[in-house]
């Protein structure tokens, strides 16, 4: 009985961990691509095409992905609107080197 319970616990935890890791990897990949798209589009434009692309990623994850990935996608969109665009649309800080140095945002590590 104890062994069965222990085995069940191990399998459950490993599945949860692998799902979390996959979600974090998807988030990091998505935000990295969003950053590259915005750099190509021009940060001073506000990156509307990148914002539309992020929304399409959310819709896809909501319809075909798991709930965790969809929730992280919403967090990425909010982060994009409130932090990245606000910070880098400022003419003083809109240097592409700054956005490249910004790194991967905290939502990618908030995979619950």
PDB file of N, CA and C in Angstrom:
ATOM      1  N   UNK A   1       0.821  -1.195   0.000  1.00  0.00           N
ATOM      2  CA  UNK A   1       0.000   0.000   0.000  1.00  0.00           C
ATOM      3  C   UNK A   1       0.865   1.258   0.000  1.00  0.00           C
ATOM      4  N   UNK A   2       1.872   1.274   0.861  1.00  0.00           N
ATOM      5  CA  UNK A   2       2.747   2.446   0.910  1.00  0.00           C
ATOM      6  C   UNK A   2       3.490   2.628  -0.401  1.00  0.00           C
ATOM      7  N   UNK A   3       3.947   1.503  -0.973  1.00  0.00           N
ATOM      8  CA  UNK A   3       4.680   1.590  -2.226  1.00  0.00           C
ATOM      9  C   UNK A   3       3.788   2.155  -3.335  1.00  0.00           C
ATOM     10  N   UNK A   4       2.532   1.703  -3.397  1.00  0.00           N
ATOM     11  CA  UNK A   4       1.595   2.197  -4.419  1.00  0.00           C
ATOM     12  C   UNK A   4       1.350   3.692  -4.259  1.00  0.00           C
ATOM     13  N   UNK A   5       1.174   4.117  -3.033  1.00  0.00           N
ATOM     14  CA  UNK A   5       0.967   5.534  -2.770  1.00  0.00           C
ATOM     15  C   UNK A   5       2.204   6.344  -3.146  1.00  0.00           C
ATOM     16  N   UNK A   6       3.365   5.814  -2.795  1.00  0.00           N
ATOM     17  CA  UNK A   6       4.628   6.479  -3.130  1.00  0.00           C
ATOM     18  C   UNK A   6       4.796   6.575  -4.646  1.00  0.00           C
ATOM     19  N   UNK A   7       4.503   5.476  -5.351  1.00  0.00           N
ATOM     20  CA  UNK A   7       4.622   5.457  -6.810  1.00  0.00           C
ATOM     21  C   UNK A   7       3.655   6.458  -7.442  1.00  0.00           C
ATOM     22  N   UNK A   8       2.424   6.496  -6.951  1.00  0.00           N
ATOM     23  CA  UNK A   8       1.437   7.453  -7.449  1.00  0.00           C
ATOM     24  C   UNK A   8       1.922   8.887  -7.257  1.00  0.00           C
ATOM     25  N   UNK A   9       2.478   9.164  -6.090  1.00  0.00           N
ATOM     26  CA  UNK A   9       2.985  10.502  -5.790  1.00  0.00           C
ATOM     27  C   UNK A   9       4.129  10.880  -6.722  1.00  0.00           C
ATOM     28  N   UNK A  10       5.049   9.955  -6.954  1.00  0.00           N
ATOM     29  CA  UNK A  10       6.188  10.221  -7.843  1.00  0.00           C
ATOM     30  C   UNK A  10       5.709  10.498  -9.267  1.00  0.00           C
ATOM     31  N   UNK A  11       4.806   9.680  -9.767  1.00  0.00           N
ATOM     32  CA  UNK A  11       4.295   9.868 -11.134  1.00  0.00           C
ATOM     33  C   UNK A  11       3.561  11.198 -11.250  1.00  0.00           C
ATOM     34  N   UNK A  12       2.733  11.523 -10.282  1.00  0.00           N
ATOM     35  CA  UNK A  12       1.986  12.786 -10.295  1.00  0.00           C
ATOM     36  C   UNK A  12       2.925  13.983 -10.290  1.00  0.00           C
ATOM     37  N   UNK A  13       3.918  13.946  -9.421  1.00  0.00           N
ATOM     38  CA  UNK A  13       4.870  15.059  -9.344  1.00  0.00           C
ATOM     39  C   UNK A  13       5.689  15.190 -10.618  1.00  0.00           C
ATOM     40  N   UNK A  14       6.105  14.075 -11.199  1.00  0.00           N
ATOM     41  CA  UNK A  14       6.904  14.158 -12.423  1.00  0.00           C
ATOM     42  C   UNK A  14       6.076  14.714 -13.574  1.00  0.00           C
ATOM     43  N   UNK A  15       4.793  14.328 -13.651  1.00  0.00           N
ATOM     44  CA  UNK A  15       3.921  14.881 -14.697  1.00  0.00           C
ATOM     45  C   UNK A  15       3.724  16.380 -14.499  1.00  0.00           C
ATOM     46  N   UNK A  16       3.477  16.777 -13.261  1.00  0.00           N
ATOM     47  CA  UNK A  16       3.291  18.196 -12.975  1.00  0.00           C
ATOM     48  C   UNK A  16       4.547  18.981 -13.313  1.00  0.00           C
ATOM     49  N   UNK A  17       5.712  18.461 -12.938  1.00  0.00           N
ATOM     50  CA  UNK A  17       6.967  19.158 -13.190  1.00  0.00           C
ATOM     51  C   UNK A  17       7.222  19.292 -14.686  1.00  0.00           C
ATOM     52  N   UNK A  18       6.981  18.218 -15.452  1.00  0.00           N
ATOM     53  CA  UNK A  18       7.239  18.290 -16.891  1.00  0.00           C
ATOM     54  C   UNK A  18       6.273  19.252 -17.571  1.00  0.00           C
ATOM     55  N   UNK A  19       5.009  19.307 -17.115  1.00  0.00           N
ATOM     56  CA  UNK A  19       4.045  20.263 -17.666  1.00  0.00           C
ATOM     57  C   UNK A  19       4.484  21.688 -17.372  1.00  0.00           C
ATOM     58  N   UNK A  20       4.941  21.922 -16.145  1.00  0.00           N
ATOM     59  CA  UNK A  20       5.402  23.254 -15.762  1.00  0.00           C
ATOM     60  C   UNK A  20       6.614  23.654 -16.584  1.00  0.00           C
ATOM     61  N   UNK A  21       7.557  22.739 -16.750  1.00  0.00           N
ATOM     62  CA  UNK A  21       8.755  23.033 -17.535  1.00  0.00           C
ATOM     63  C   UNK A  21       8.389  23.344 -18.981  1.00  0.00           C
ATOM     64  N   UNK A  22       7.457  22.586 -19.548  1.00  0.00           N
ATOM     65  CA  UNK A  22       7.042  22.827 -20.932  1.00  0.00           C
ATOM     66  C   UNK A  22       6.384  24.195 -21.065  1.00  0.00           C
ATOM     67  N   UNK A  23       5.569  24.571 -20.091  1.00  0.00           N
ATOM     68  CA  UNK A  23       4.908  25.872 -20.116  1.00  0.00           C
ATOM     69  C   UNK A  23       5.925  26.989 -20.016  1.00  0.00           C
ATOM     70  N   UNK A  24       6.892  26.840 -19.123  1.00  0.00           N
ATOM     71  CA  UNK A  24       7.931  27.861 -18.986  1.00  0.00           C
ATOM     72  C   UNK A  24       8.739  27.979 -20.269  1.00  0.00           C
ATOM     73  N   UNK A  25       9.071  26.856 -20.878  1.00  0.00           N
ATOM     74  CA  UNK A  25       9.838  26.885 -22.125  1.00  0.00           C
ATOM     75  C   UNK A  25       9.032  27.578 -23.225  1.00  0.00           C
ATOM     76  N   UNK A  26       7.732  27.280 -23.304  1.00  0.00           N
ATOM     77  CA  UNK A  26       6.878  27.927 -24.306  1.00  0.00           C
ATOM     78  C   UNK A  26       6.819  29.428 -24.073  1.00  0.00           C
ATOM     79  N   UNK A  27       6.739  29.827 -22.812  1.00  0.00           N
ATOM     80  CA  UNK A  27       6.682  31.246 -22.472  1.00  0.00           C
ATOM     81  C   UNK A  27       7.974  31.949 -22.869  1.00  0.00           C
ATOM     82  N   UNK A  28       9.096  31.357 -22.526  1.00  0.00           N
ATOM     83  CA  UNK A  28      10.387  31.962 -22.849  1.00  0.00           C
ATOM     84  C   UNK A  28      10.548  32.076 -24.359  1.00  0.00           C
ATOM     85  N   UNK A  29      10.175  31.038 -25.088  1.00  0.00           N
ATOM     86  CA  UNK A  29      10.260  31.064 -26.547  1.00  0.00           C
ATOM     87  C   UNK A  29       9.365  32.156 -27.122  1.00  0.00           C
ATOM     88  N   UNK A  30       8.140  32.249 -26.615  1.00  0.00           N
ATOM     89  CA  UNK A  30       7.185  33.245 -27.110  1.00  0.00           C
ATOM     90  C   UNK A  30       7.668  34.658 -26.842  1.00  0.00           C
ATOM     91  N   UNK A  31       8.124  34.928 -25.618  1.00  0.00           N
ATOM     92  CA  UNK A  31       8.564  36.278 -25.288  1.00  0.00           C
ATOM     93  C   UNK A  31       9.840  36.653 -26.033  1.00  0.00           C
ATOM     94  N   UNK A  32      10.707  35.689 -26.271  1.00  0.00           N
ATOM     95  CA  UNK A  32      11.913  35.958 -27.051  1.00  0.00           C
ATOM     96  C   UNK A  32      11.534  36.325 -28.480  1.00  0.00           C
ATOM     97  N   UNK A  33      10.597  35.575 -29.062  1.00  0.00           N
ATOM     98  CA  UNK A  33      10.153  35.897 -30.420  1.00  0.00           C
ATOM     99  C   UNK A  33       9.440  37.241 -30.465  1.00  0.00           C
ATOM    100  N   UNK A  34       8.629  37.536 -29.448  1.00  0.00           N
ATOM    101  CA  UNK A  34       7.938  38.831 -29.405  1.00  0.00           C
ATOM    102  C   UNK A  34       8.947  39.971 -29.374  1.00  0.00           C
ATOM    103  N   UNK A  35      10.000  39.799 -28.602  1.00  0.00           N
ATOM    104  CA  UNK A  35      11.028  40.833 -28.515  1.00  0.00           C
ATOM    105  C   UNK A  35      11.698  41.027 -29.881  1.00  0.00           C
ATOM    106  N   UNK A  36      12.015  39.915 -30.563  1.00  0.00           N
ATOM    107  CA  UNK A  36      12.646  40.007 -31.884  1.00  0.00           C
ATOM    108  C   UNK A  36      11.708  40.651 -32.903  1.00  0.00           C
ATOM    109  N   UNK A  37      10.423  40.284 -32.859  1.00  0.00           N
ATOM    110  CA  UNK A  37       9.443  40.883 -33.776  1.00  0.00           C
ATOM    111  C   UNK A  37       9.332  42.389 -33.550  1.00  0.00           C
ATOM    112  N   UNK A  38       9.318  42.798 -32.286  1.00  0.00           N
ATOM    113  CA  UNK A  38       9.191  44.217 -31.968  1.00  0.00           C
ATOM    114  C   UNK A  38      10.421  44.984 -32.435  1.00  0.00           C
ATOM    115  N   UNK A  39      11.590  44.391 -32.293  1.00  0.00           N
ATOM    116  CA  UNK A  39      12.806  45.051 -32.762  1.00  0.00           C
ATOM    117  C   UNK A  39      12.753  45.256 -34.273  1.00  0.00           C
ATOM    118  N   UNK A  40      12.259  44.255 -35.012  1.00  0.00           N
ATOM    119  CA  UNK A  40      12.146  44.373 -36.467  1.00  0.00           C
ATOM    120  C   UNK A  40      11.089  45.402 -36.852  1.00  0.00           C
ATOM    121  N   UNK A  41      10.002  45.419 -36.081  1.00  0.00           N
ATOM    122  CA  UNK A  41       8.893  46.329 -36.371  1.00  0.00           C
ATOM    123  C   UNK A  41       9.254  47.778 -36.043  1.00  0.00           C
ATOM    124  N   UNK A  42      10.075  47.947 -35.041  1.00  0.00           N
ATOM    125  CA  UNK A  42      10.461  49.278 -34.583  1.00  0.00           C
ATOM    126  C   UNK A  42       9.774  49.600 -33.278  1.00  0.00           C
ATOM    127  N   UNK A  43      10.539  49.700 -32.225  1.00  0.00           N
ATOM    128  CA  UNK A  43       9.981  49.893 -30.889  1.00  0.00           C
ATOM    129  C   UNK A  43       9.171  51.176 -30.809  1.00  0.00           C
ATOM    130  N   UNK A  44       9.624  52.214 -31.511  1.00  0.00           N
ATOM    131  CA  UNK A  44       8.941  53.507 -31.432  1.00  0.00           C
ATOM    132  C   UNK A  44       7.529  53.455 -32.016  1.00  0.00           C
ATOM    133  N   UNK A  45       7.222  52.426 -32.826  1.00  0.00           N
ATOM    134  CA  UNK A  45       5.874  52.294 -33.394  1.00  0.00           C
ATOM    135  C   UNK A  45       4.875  51.760 -32.372  1.00  0.00           C
ATOM    136  N   UNK A  46       5.372  51.231 -31.266  1.00  0.00           N
ATOM    137  CA  UNK A  46       4.491  50.606 -30.279  1.00  0.00           C
ATOM    138  C   UNK A  46       4.248  49.138 -30.572  1.00  0.00           C
ATOM    139  N   UNK A  47       4.814  48.652 -31.665  1.00  0.00           N
ATOM    140  CA  UNK A  47       4.755  47.230 -32.049  1.00  0.00           C
ATOM    141  C   UNK A  47       3.329  46.663 -32.111  1.00  0.00           C
ATOM    142  N   UNK A  48       2.427  47.285 -32.882  1.00  0.00           N
ATOM    143  CA  UNK A  48       1.059  46.758 -32.941  1.00  0.00           C
ATOM    144  C   UNK A  48       0.976  45.358 -33.551  1.00  0.00           C
ATOM    145  N   UNK A  49       1.811  45.059 -34.541  1.00  0.00           N
ATOM    146  CA  UNK A  49       1.779  43.721 -35.145  1.00  0.00           C
ATOM    147  C   UNK A  49       2.235  42.664 -34.141  1.00  0.00           C
ATOM    148  N   UNK A  50       3.208  43.022 -33.314  1.00  0.00           N
ATOM    149  CA  UNK A  50       3.673  42.091 -32.280  1.00  0.00           C
ATOM    150  C   UNK A  50       2.580  41.862 -31.246  1.00  0.00           C
ATOM    151  N   UNK A  51       1.879  42.915 -30.864  1.00  0.00           N
ATOM    152  CA  UNK A  51       0.772  42.778 -29.910  1.00  0.00           C
ATOM    153  C   UNK A  51      -0.326  41.886 -30.488  1.00  0.00           C
ATOM    154  N   UNK A  52      -0.635  42.057 -31.779  1.00  0.00           N
ATOM    155  CA  UNK A  52      -1.629  41.197 -32.435  1.00  0.00           C
ATOM    156  C   UNK A  52      -1.163  39.747 -32.456  1.00  0.00           C
ATOM    157  N   UNK A  53       0.133  39.552 -32.707  1.00  0.00           N
ATOM    158  CA  UNK A  53       0.692  38.202 -32.722  1.00  0.00           C
ATOM    159  C   UNK A  53       0.586  37.557 -31.339  1.00  0.00           C
ATOM    160  N   UNK A  54       0.899  38.317 -30.288  1.00  0.00           N
ATOM    161  CA  UNK A  54       0.776  37.787 -28.927  1.00  0.00           C
ATOM    162  C   UNK A  54      -0.671  37.398 -28.620  1.00  0.00           C
ATOM    163  N   UNK A  55      -1.620  38.204 -29.093  1.00  0.00           N
ATOM    164  CA  UNK A  55      -3.031  37.882 -28.890  1.00  0.00           C
ATOM    165  C   UNK A  55      -3.400  36.589 -29.612  1.00  0.00           C
ATOM    166  N   UNK A  56      -2.876  36.405 -30.820  1.00  0.00           N
ATOM    167  CA  UNK A  56      -3.165  35.164 -31.554  1.00  0.00           C
ATOM    168  C   UNK A  56      -2.546  33.952 -30.858  1.00  0.00           C
ATOM    169  N   UNK A  57      -1.392  34.135 -30.225  1.00  0.00           N
ATOM    170  CA  UNK A  57      -0.775  33.049 -29.447  1.00  0.00           C
ATOM    171  C   UNK A  57      -1.685  32.672 -28.281  1.00  0.00           C
ATOM    172  N   UNK A  58      -2.229  33.695 -27.597  1.00  0.00           N
ATOM    173  CA  UNK A  58      -3.151  33.421 -26.491  1.00  0.00           C
ATOM    174  C   UNK A  58      -4.383  32.662 -26.981  1.00  0.00           C
ATOM    175  N   UNK A  59      -4.979  33.124 -28.079  1.00  0.00           N
ATOM    176  CA  UNK A  59      -6.192  32.479 -28.601  1.00  0.00           C
ATOM    177  C   UNK A  59      -5.907  31.024 -28.959  1.00  0.00           C
ATOM    178  N   UNK A  60      -4.766  30.786 -29.591  1.00  0.00           N
ATOM    179  CA  UNK A  60      -4.393  29.412 -29.933  1.00  0.00           C
ATOM    180  C   UNK A  60      -4.236  28.567 -28.673  1.00  0.00           C
ATOM    181  N   UNK A  61      -3.514  29.097 -27.684  1.00  0.00           N
ATOM    182  CA  UNK A  61      -3.312  28.345 -26.439  1.00  0.00           C
ATOM    183  C   UNK A  61      -4.629  28.105 -25.708  1.00  0.00           C
ATOM    184  N   UNK A  62      -5.513  29.096 -25.753  1.00  0.00           N
ATOM    185  CA  UNK A  62      -6.811  28.953 -25.085  1.00  0.00           C
ATOM    186  C   UNK A  62      -7.655  27.865 -25.749  1.00  0.00           C
ATOM    187  N   UNK A  63      -7.607  27.821 -27.089  1.00  0.00           N
ATOM    188  CA  UNK A  63      -8.439  26.864 -27.820  1.00  0.00           C
ATOM    189  C   UNK A  63      -7.829  25.469 -27.925  1.00  0.00           C
ATOM    190  N   UNK A  64      -6.496  25.401 -28.055  1.00  0.00           N
ATOM    191  CA  UNK A  64      -5.863  24.112 -28.337  1.00  0.00           C
ATOM    192  C   UNK A  64      -4.822  23.681 -27.306  1.00  0.00           C
ATOM    193  N   UNK A  65      -4.407  24.589 -26.446  1.00  0.00           N
ATOM    194  CA  UNK A  65      -3.373  24.254 -25.474  1.00  0.00           C
ATOM    195  C   UNK A  65      -3.968  23.954 -24.118  1.00  0.00           C
ATOM    196  N   UNK A  66      -3.088  23.863 -23.142  1.00  0.00           N
ATOM    197  CA  UNK A  66      -3.572  23.613 -21.790  1.00  0.00           C
ATOM    198  C   UNK A  66      -3.876  24.936 -21.093  1.00  0.00           C
ATOM    199  N   UNK A  67      -4.635  24.870 -20.026  1.00  0.00           N
ATOM    200  CA  UNK A  67      -5.080  26.061 -19.307  1.00  0.00           C
ATOM    201  C   UNK A  67      -3.906  26.850 -18.742  1.00  0.00           C
ATOM    202  N   UNK A  68      -2.891  26.142 -18.266  1.00  0.00           N
ATOM    203  CA  UNK A  68      -1.720  26.816 -17.700  1.00  0.00           C
ATOM    204  C   UNK A  68      -1.045  27.691 -18.750  1.00  0.00           C
ATOM    205  N   UNK A  69      -0.840  27.152 -19.952  1.00  0.00           N
ATOM    206  CA  UNK A  69      -0.196  27.920 -21.018  1.00  0.00           C
ATOM    207  C   UNK A  69      -1.047  29.119 -21.407  1.00  0.00           C
ATOM    208  N   UNK A  70      -2.362  28.940 -21.448  1.00  0.00           N
ATOM    209  CA  UNK A  70      -3.258  30.057 -21.771  1.00  0.00           C
ATOM    210  C   UNK A  70      -3.166  31.142 -20.710  1.00  0.00           C
ATOM    211  N   UNK A  71      -3.131  30.759 -19.442  1.00  0.00           N
ATOM    212  CA  UNK A  71      -3.011  31.744 -18.362  1.00  0.00           C
ATOM    213  C   UNK A  71      -1.693  32.496 -18.432  1.00  0.00           C
ATOM    214  N   UNK A  72      -0.618  31.786 -18.735  1.00  0.00           N
ATOM    215  CA  UNK A  72       0.678  32.444 -18.881  1.00  0.00           C
ATOM    216  C   UNK A  72       0.645  33.394 -20.072  1.00  0.00           C
ATOM    217  N   UNK A  73      -0.066  33.015 -21.149  1.00  0.00           N
ATOM    218  CA  UNK A  73      -0.183  33.887 -22.324  1.00  0.00           C
ATOM    219  C   UNK A  73      -0.854  35.204 -21.970  1.00  0.00           C
ATOM    220  N   UNK A  74      -1.915  35.150 -21.158  1.00  0.00           N
ATOM    221  CA  UNK A  74      -2.591  36.378 -20.724  1.00  0.00           C
ATOM    222  C   UNK A  74      -1.627  37.250 -19.934  1.00  0.00           C
ATOM    223  N   UNK A  75      -0.862  36.625 -19.050  1.00  0.00           N
ATOM    224  CA  UNK A  75       0.118  37.371 -18.258  1.00  0.00           C
ATOM    225  C   UNK A  75       1.160  38.010 -19.160  1.00  0.00           C
ATOM    226  N   UNK A  76       1.577  37.300 -20.213  1.00  0.00           N
ATOM    227  CA  UNK A  76       2.555  37.850 -21.154  1.00  0.00           C
ATOM    228  C   UNK A  76       1.999  39.078 -21.859  1.00  0.00           C
ATOM    229  N   UNK A  77       0.726  39.014 -22.280  1.00  0.00           N
ATOM    230  CA  UNK A  77       0.112  40.155 -22.973  1.00  0.00           C
ATOM    231  C   UNK A  77       0.056  41.369 -22.050  1.00  0.00           C
ATOM    232  N   UNK A  78      -0.371  41.156 -20.816  1.00  0.00           N
ATOM    233  CA  UNK A  78      -0.431  42.260 -19.849  1.00  0.00           C
ATOM    234  C   UNK A  78       0.955  42.835 -19.590  1.00  0.00           C
ATOM    235  N   UNK A  79       1.926  41.956 -19.429  1.00  0.00           N
ATOM    236  CA  UNK A  79       3.304  42.391 -19.210  1.00  0.00           C
ATOM    237  C   UNK A  79       3.780  43.206 -20.401  1.00  0.00           C
ATOM    238  N   UNK A  80       3.466  42.718 -21.603  1.00  0.00           N
ATOM    239  CA  UNK A  80       3.886  43.398 -22.831  1.00  0.00           C
ATOM    240  C   UNK A  80       3.317  44.810 -22.880  1.00  0.00           C
ATOM    241  N   UNK A  81       2.020  44.941 -22.587  1.00  0.00           N
ATOM    242  CA  UNK A  81       1.359  46.250 -22.675  1.00  0.00           C
ATOM    243  C   UNK A  81       1.808  47.200 -21.572  1.00  0.00           C
ATOM    244  N   UNK A  82       1.913  46.688 -20.358  1.00  0.00           N
ATOM    245  CA  UNK A  82       2.166  47.592 -19.236  1.00  0.00           C
ATOM    246  C   UNK A  82       3.635  47.851 -18.963  1.00  0.00           C
ATOM    247  N   UNK A  83       4.506  46.954 -19.390  1.00  0.00           N
ATOM    248  CA  UNK A  83       5.914  47.155 -19.067  1.00  0.00           C
ATOM    249  C   UNK A  83       6.773  47.393 -20.301  1.00  0.00           C
ATOM    250  N   UNK A  84       6.795  46.444 -21.206  1.00  0.00           N
ATOM    251  CA  UNK A  84       7.695  46.548 -22.363  1.00  0.00           C
ATOM    252  C   UNK A  84       7.372  47.783 -23.200  1.00  0.00           C
ATOM    253  N   UNK A  85       6.121  47.916 -23.640  1.00  0.00           N
ATOM    254  CA  UNK A  85       5.788  49.041 -24.516  1.00  0.00           C
ATOM    255  C   UNK A  85       5.887  50.372 -23.795  1.00  0.00           C
ATOM    256  N   UNK A  86       5.454  50.414 -22.547  1.00  0.00           N
ATOM    257  CA  UNK A  86       5.532  51.663 -21.795  1.00  0.00           C
ATOM    258  C   UNK A  86       6.987  52.075 -21.600  1.00  0.00           C
ATOM    259  N   UNK A  87       7.816  51.119 -21.269  1.00  0.00           N
ATOM    260  CA  UNK A  87       9.223  51.436 -21.013  1.00  0.00           C
ATOM    261  C   UNK A  87       9.961  51.808 -22.289  1.00  0.00           C
ATOM    262  N   UNK A  88       9.764  51.024 -23.342  1.00  0.00           N
ATOM    263  CA  UNK A  88      10.591  51.217 -24.526  1.00  0.00           C
ATOM    264  C   UNK A  88       9.981  52.142 -25.568  1.00  0.00           C
ATOM    265  N   UNK A  89       8.762  52.625 -25.349  1.00  0.00           N
ATOM    266  CA  UNK A  89       8.222  53.636 -26.260  1.00  0.00           C
ATOM    267  C   UNK A  89       8.709  55.021 -25.862  1.00  0.00           C
ATOM    268  N   UNK A  90       9.271  55.124 -24.674  1.00  0.00           N
ATOM    269  CA  UNK A  90       9.880  56.370 -24.216  1.00  0.00           C
ATOM    270  C   UNK A  90      11.103  56.646 -25.090  1.00  0.00           C
ATOM    271  N   UNK A  91      11.170  57.835 -25.660  1.00  0.00           N
ATOM    272  CA  UNK A  91      12.251  58.145 -26.600  1.00  0.00           C
ATOM    273  C   UNK A  91      13.633  58.052 -25.966  1.00  0.00           C
ATOM    274  N   UNK A  92      13.712  58.225 -24.657  1.00  0.00           N
ATOM    275  CA  UNK A  92      15.009  58.154 -23.985  1.00  0.00           C
ATOM    276  C   UNK A  92      15.487  56.713 -23.874  1.00  0.00           C
ATOM    277  N   UNK A  93      14.546  55.777 -23.685  1.00  0.00           N
ATOM    278  CA  UNK A  93      14.924  54.390 -23.433  1.00  0.00           C
ATOM    279  C   UNK A  93      14.596  53.448 -24.584  1.00  0.00           C
ATOM    280  N   UNK A  94      14.330  53.971 -25.779  1.00  0.00           N
ATOM    281  CA  UNK A  94      13.894  53.081 -26.844  1.00  0.00           C
ATOM    282  C   UNK A  94      15.041  52.482 -27.651  1.00  0.00           C
ATOM    283  N   UNK A  95      16.220  52.510 -27.091  1.00  0.00           N
ATOM    284  CA  UNK A  95      17.375  51.904 -27.729  1.00  0.00           C
ATOM    285  C   UNK A  95      17.189  50.388 -27.774  1.00  0.00           C
ATOM    286  N   UNK A  96      17.322  49.775 -28.958  1.00  0.00           N
ATOM    287  CA  UNK A  96      17.170  48.320 -29.055  1.00  0.00           C
ATOM    288  C   UNK A  96      18.094  47.536 -28.128  1.00  0.00           C
ATOM    289  N   UNK A  97      19.240  48.091 -27.815  1.00  0.00           N
ATOM    290  CA  UNK A  97      20.149  47.404 -26.894  1.00  0.00           C
ATOM    291  C   UNK A  97      19.485  47.254 -25.532  1.00  0.00           C
ATOM    292  N   UNK A  98      18.710  48.248 -25.118  1.00  0.00           N
ATOM    293  CA  UNK A  98      18.022  48.180 -23.830  1.00  0.00           C
ATOM    294  C   UNK A  98      17.003  47.056 -23.802  1.00  0.00           C
ATOM    295  N   UNK A  99      16.216  46.933 -24.868  1.00  0.00           N
ATOM    296  CA  UNK A  99      15.202  45.882 -24.883  1.00  0.00           C
ATOM    297  C   UNK A  99      15.858  44.507 -24.961  1.00  0.00           C
ATOM    298  N   UNK A 100      16.974  44.408 -25.642  1.00  0.00           N
ATOM    299  CA  UNK A 100      17.678  43.124 -25.693  1.00  0.00           C
ATOM    300  C   UNK A 100      18.238  42.770 -24.326  1.00  0.00           C
ATOM    301  N   UNK A 101      18.671  43.783 -23.591  1.00  0.00           N
ATOM    302  CA  UNK A 101      19.221  43.546 -22.266  1.00  0.00           C
ATOM    303  C   UNK A 101      18.165  43.311 -21.218  1.00  0.00           C
ATOM    304  N   UNK A 102      16.908  43.545 -21.597  1.00  0.00           N
ATOM    305  CA  UNK A 102      15.813  43.403 -20.637  1.00  0.00           C
ATOM    306  C   UNK A 102      15.652  41.959 -20.201  1.00  0.00           C
ATOM    307  N   UNK A 103      15.960  41.036 -21.065  1.00  0.00           N
ATOM    308  CA  UNK A 103      15.879  39.623 -20.707  1.00  0.00           C
ATOM    309  C   UNK A 103      14.465  39.089 -20.764  1.00  0.00           C
ATOM    310  N   UNK A 104      14.295  37.891 -20.264  1.00  0.00           N
ATOM    311  CA  UNK A 104      13.000  37.230 -20.260  1.00  0.00           C
ATOM    312  C   UNK A 104      12.240  37.670 -19.018  1.00  0.00           C
ATOM    313  N   UNK A 105      11.006  38.117 -19.185  1.00  0.00           N
ATOM    314  CA  UNK A 105      10.269  38.683 -18.052  1.00  0.00           C
ATOM    315  C   UNK A 105       9.816  37.652 -17.029  1.00  0.00           C
ATOM    316  N   UNK A 106       9.439  38.159 -15.875  1.00  0.00           N
ATOM    317  CA  UNK A 106       9.030  37.294 -14.769  1.00  0.00           C
ATOM    318  C   UNK A 106       7.841  36.397 -15.063  1.00  0.00           C
ATOM    319  N   UNK A 107       6.871  36.737 -15.951  1.00  0.00           N
ATOM    320  CA  UNK A 107       5.758  35.803 -16.161  1.00  0.00           C
ATOM    321  C   UNK A 107       6.213  34.420 -16.598  1.00  0.00           C
ATOM    322  N   UNK A 108       7.345  34.363 -17.281  1.00  0.00           N
ATOM    323  CA  UNK A 108       7.823  33.074 -17.758  1.00  0.00           C
ATOM    324  C   UNK A 108       8.242  32.166 -16.612  1.00  0.00           C
ATOM    325  N   UNK A 109       8.539  32.740 -15.491  1.00  0.00           N
ATOM    326  CA  UNK A 109       8.954  31.923 -14.355  1.00  0.00           C
ATOM    327  C   UNK A 109       7.834  31.798 -13.335  1.00  0.00           C
ATOM    328  N   UNK A 110       6.660  32.309 -13.683  1.00  0.00           N
ATOM    329  CA  UNK A 110       5.500  32.234 -12.804  1.00  0.00           C
ATOM    330  C   UNK A 110       4.534  31.189 -13.362  1.00  0.00           C
ATOM    331  N   UNK A 111       5.034  29.978 -13.550  1.00  0.00           N
ATOM    332  CA  UNK A 111       4.259  28.918 -14.205  1.00  0.00           C
ATOM    333  C   UNK A 111       3.591  28.053 -13.155  1.00  0.00           C
ATOM    334  N   UNK A 112       2.390  28.415 -12.770  1.00  0.00           N
ATOM    335  CA  UNK A 112       1.680  27.633 -11.742  1.00  0.00           C
ATOM    336  C   UNK A 112       0.532  26.875 -12.362  1.00  0.00           C
TER     337      UNK A 112
END
